[in-house]
Amino acid sequence: MIIFFDNDNALDYIMSEEVEKQSNRPSHENEKDYIISNIERIEATEENCGIYIEGANAIYDGPYLDDNMHAVVNAEIRARSGTTVKGNFHIIGTAFDENGKILTSAAEDFQAKKIFAITPLKLHLSVKEKPVKIRIYAQKGESSII
């Protein structure tokens, strides 16, 4: 069966189909993964390390091999000046619950000689409950966390 639409009716039909698809989606509370919208960056630490952290986002996902859920933070790290950074650094991520209690922390080390202009960041925070906020910041040197 072929249905013919004029341009106005076709657009109305497509839009109503899209609205129906979206309204049938489960809410974030019922989904396995959801976007964690409250990501806090401490820009002074980025400046101290000579980097920018850009495009940070996080999802709640899992379970993984450790049977915990994970808050997975994705971002890009960019050199603040030119194409290289001057020293090694690490990025620390901390997950918080609704009462401001720290659920967990994790760190990812970066060596200055391996970074050229921009590099991806993927940080896994193993948690037992959904975090409401994640704080990410940079620190010079090697990580003492992990």
Protein backbone atom coordinates (compact mmCIF):
# COMPACT_ATOMS: atom_id res chain seq x y z
CA MET A 1 0.00 0.00 0.00
CA ILE A 2 1.35 3.42 -0.93
CA ILE A 3 0.22 6.56 0.88
CA PHE A 4 0.73 9.92 -0.77
CA PHE A 5 1.01 13.12 1.28
CA ASP A 6 1.33 16.68 0.27
CA ASN A 7 4.28 18.41 1.98
CA ASP A 8 2.26 19.90 4.86
CA ASN A 9 0.54 16.63 5.79
CA ALA A 10 3.75 14.62 5.49
CA LEU A 11 5.55 16.88 7.95
CA ASP A 12 2.62 16.69 10.42
CA TYR A 13 2.60 12.88 10.14
CA ILE A 14 6.37 12.58 10.69
CA MET A 15 6.28 14.95 13.67
CA SER A 16 3.38 13.07 15.31
CA GLU A 17 5.24 9.76 14.86
CA GLU A 18 8.37 11.22 16.52
CA VAL A 19 6.37 12.62 19.45
CA GLU A 20 4.72 9.23 19.95
CA LYS A 21 8.11 7.45 19.94
CA GLN A 22 9.50 9.85 22.54
CA SER A 23 6.44 9.61 24.79
CA ASN A 24 6.71 5.80 24.83
CA ARG A 25 10.31 5.87 26.05
CA PRO A 26 10.83 4.97 29.70
CA SER A 27 11.86 7.75 32.05
CA HIS A 28 15.53 8.04 33.11
CA GLU A 29 14.64 6.53 36.48
CA ASN A 30 13.61 3.30 34.72
CA GLU A 31 16.52 3.10 32.30
CA LYS A 32 19.80 1.32 32.92
CA ASP A 33 21.83 4.29 31.75
CA TYR A 34 21.01 7.89 32.26
CA ILE A 35 22.94 11.07 31.74
CA ILE A 36 24.43 12.65 34.85
CA SER A 37 23.90 16.33 34.16
CA ASN A 38 25.65 17.84 37.18
CA ILE A 39 29.36 17.74 36.31
CA GLU A 40 31.56 20.20 38.16
CA ARG A 41 34.98 21.21 36.84
CA ILE A 42 37.60 23.08 38.84
CA GLU A 43 39.11 25.32 36.18
CA ALA A 44 41.94 26.61 38.39
CA THR A 45 43.41 23.10 38.52
CA GLU A 46 43.21 22.82 34.74
CA GLU A 47 45.05 26.11 34.35
CA ASN A 48 47.73 24.94 36.80
CA CYS A 49 48.33 21.84 34.65
CA GLY A 50 48.21 23.77 31.35
CA ILE A 51 45.10 22.02 30.02
CA TYR A 52 41.39 22.47 29.33
CA ILE A 53 38.82 19.74 29.99
CA GLU A 54 36.09 20.11 27.38
CA GLY A 55 32.82 18.43 26.49
CA ALA A 56 32.54 16.57 29.79
CA ASN A 57 29.55 14.29 30.13
CA ALA A 58 28.76 11.20 32.18
CA ILE A 59 26.38 8.28 32.06
CA TYR A 60 25.33 5.75 34.68
CA ASP A 61 25.96 2.34 33.16
CA GLY A 62 26.70 -1.27 33.99
CA PRO A 63 26.93 -3.62 35.75
CA TYR A 64 30.49 -4.50 34.83
CA LEU A 65 32.73 -7.40 35.89
CA ASP A 66 32.77 -6.17 39.51
CA ASP A 67 28.92 -6.33 39.60
CA ASN A 68 28.80 -2.59 40.36
CA MET A 69 27.27 0.11 38.24
CA HIS A 70 29.65 2.70 36.82
CA ALA A 71 29.49 6.41 36.25
CA VAL A 72 31.46 6.77 33.03
CA VAL A 73 32.90 10.24 32.43
CA ASN A 74 33.87 11.17 28.87
CA ALA A 75 35.66 14.37 27.88
CA GLU A 76 38.50 15.77 25.81
CA ILE A 77 41.71 17.16 27.24
CA ARG A 78 43.31 19.96 25.24
CA ALA A 79 46.62 21.74 25.70
CA ARG A 80 46.06 25.30 26.92
CA SER A 81 48.95 26.73 24.93
CA GLY A 82 50.16 25.27 21.67
CA THR A 83 50.07 21.54 21.09
CA THR A 84 51.93 20.16 24.11
CA VAL A 85 51.64 20.19 27.88
CA LYS A 86 54.66 20.82 30.08
CA GLY A 87 54.37 18.03 32.62
CA ASN A 88 52.62 14.84 33.61
CA PHE A 89 49.24 15.18 35.29
CA HIS A 90 46.21 13.14 36.23
CA ILE A 91 42.49 13.73 36.14
CA ILE A 92 40.52 12.83 39.25
CA GLY A 93 36.80 12.16 39.23
CA THR A 94 34.71 12.04 42.40
CA ALA A 95 31.07 10.92 42.55
CA PHE A 96 28.67 12.33 45.16
CA ASP A 97 25.24 11.29 46.43
CA GLU A 98 22.30 13.65 47.08
CA ASN A 99 23.61 14.42 50.60
CA GLY A 100 27.05 15.49 49.34
CA LYS A 101 28.68 12.27 50.56
CA ILE A 102 31.53 10.94 48.42
CA LEU A 103 30.60 7.61 46.84
CA THR A 104 33.93 6.92 45.12
CA SER A 105 36.91 8.46 43.33
CA ALA A 106 39.07 7.37 40.43
CA ALA A 107 42.01 8.84 38.53
CA GLU A 108 43.53 8.60 35.07
CA ASP A 109 47.22 9.40 34.52
CA PHE A 110 48.48 11.33 31.49
CA GLN A 111 52.09 11.62 30.37
CA ALA A 112 52.99 14.92 28.75
CA LYS A 113 55.10 13.29 26.03
CA LYS A 114 52.11 11.21 24.84
CA ILE A 115 49.72 14.14 24.45
CA PHE A 116 49.65 16.13 21.24
CA ALA A 117 47.08 18.97 21.21
CA ILE A 118 44.03 16.92 22.24
CA THR A 119 43.38 13.54 23.83
CA PRO A 120 40.26 11.70 25.04
CA LEU A 121 39.39 11.02 28.67
CA LYS A 122 37.30 8.05 29.78
CA LEU A 123 37.05 7.62 33.53
CA HIS A 124 35.11 4.78 35.21
CA LEU A 125 33.77 5.41 38.72
CA SER A 126 32.49 2.18 40.27
CA VAL A 127 29.41 3.00 42.40
CA LYS A 128 26.65 1.15 44.21
CA GLU A 129 24.06 3.94 43.76
CA LYS A 130 23.37 6.65 41.22
CA PRO A 131 25.53 9.72 41.78
CA VAL A 132 23.85 13.11 41.56
CA LYS A 133 27.08 15.05 40.97
CA ILE A 134 30.52 14.33 39.61
CA ARG A 135 33.50 16.60 40.16
CA ILE A 136 36.50 16.36 37.83
CA TYR A 137 39.77 18.17 38.27
CA ALA A 138 43.41 18.01 37.23
CA GLN A 139 46.47 17.59 39.40
CA LYS A 140 50.18 17.77 38.48
CA GLY A 141 52.38 14.72 38.86
CA GLU A 142 51.55 11.06 39.16
CA SER A 143 48.35 9.76 40.72
CA SER A 144 48.25 8.38 44.24
CA ILE A 145 44.69 7.11 43.69
CA ILE A 146 43.88 3.75 42.02
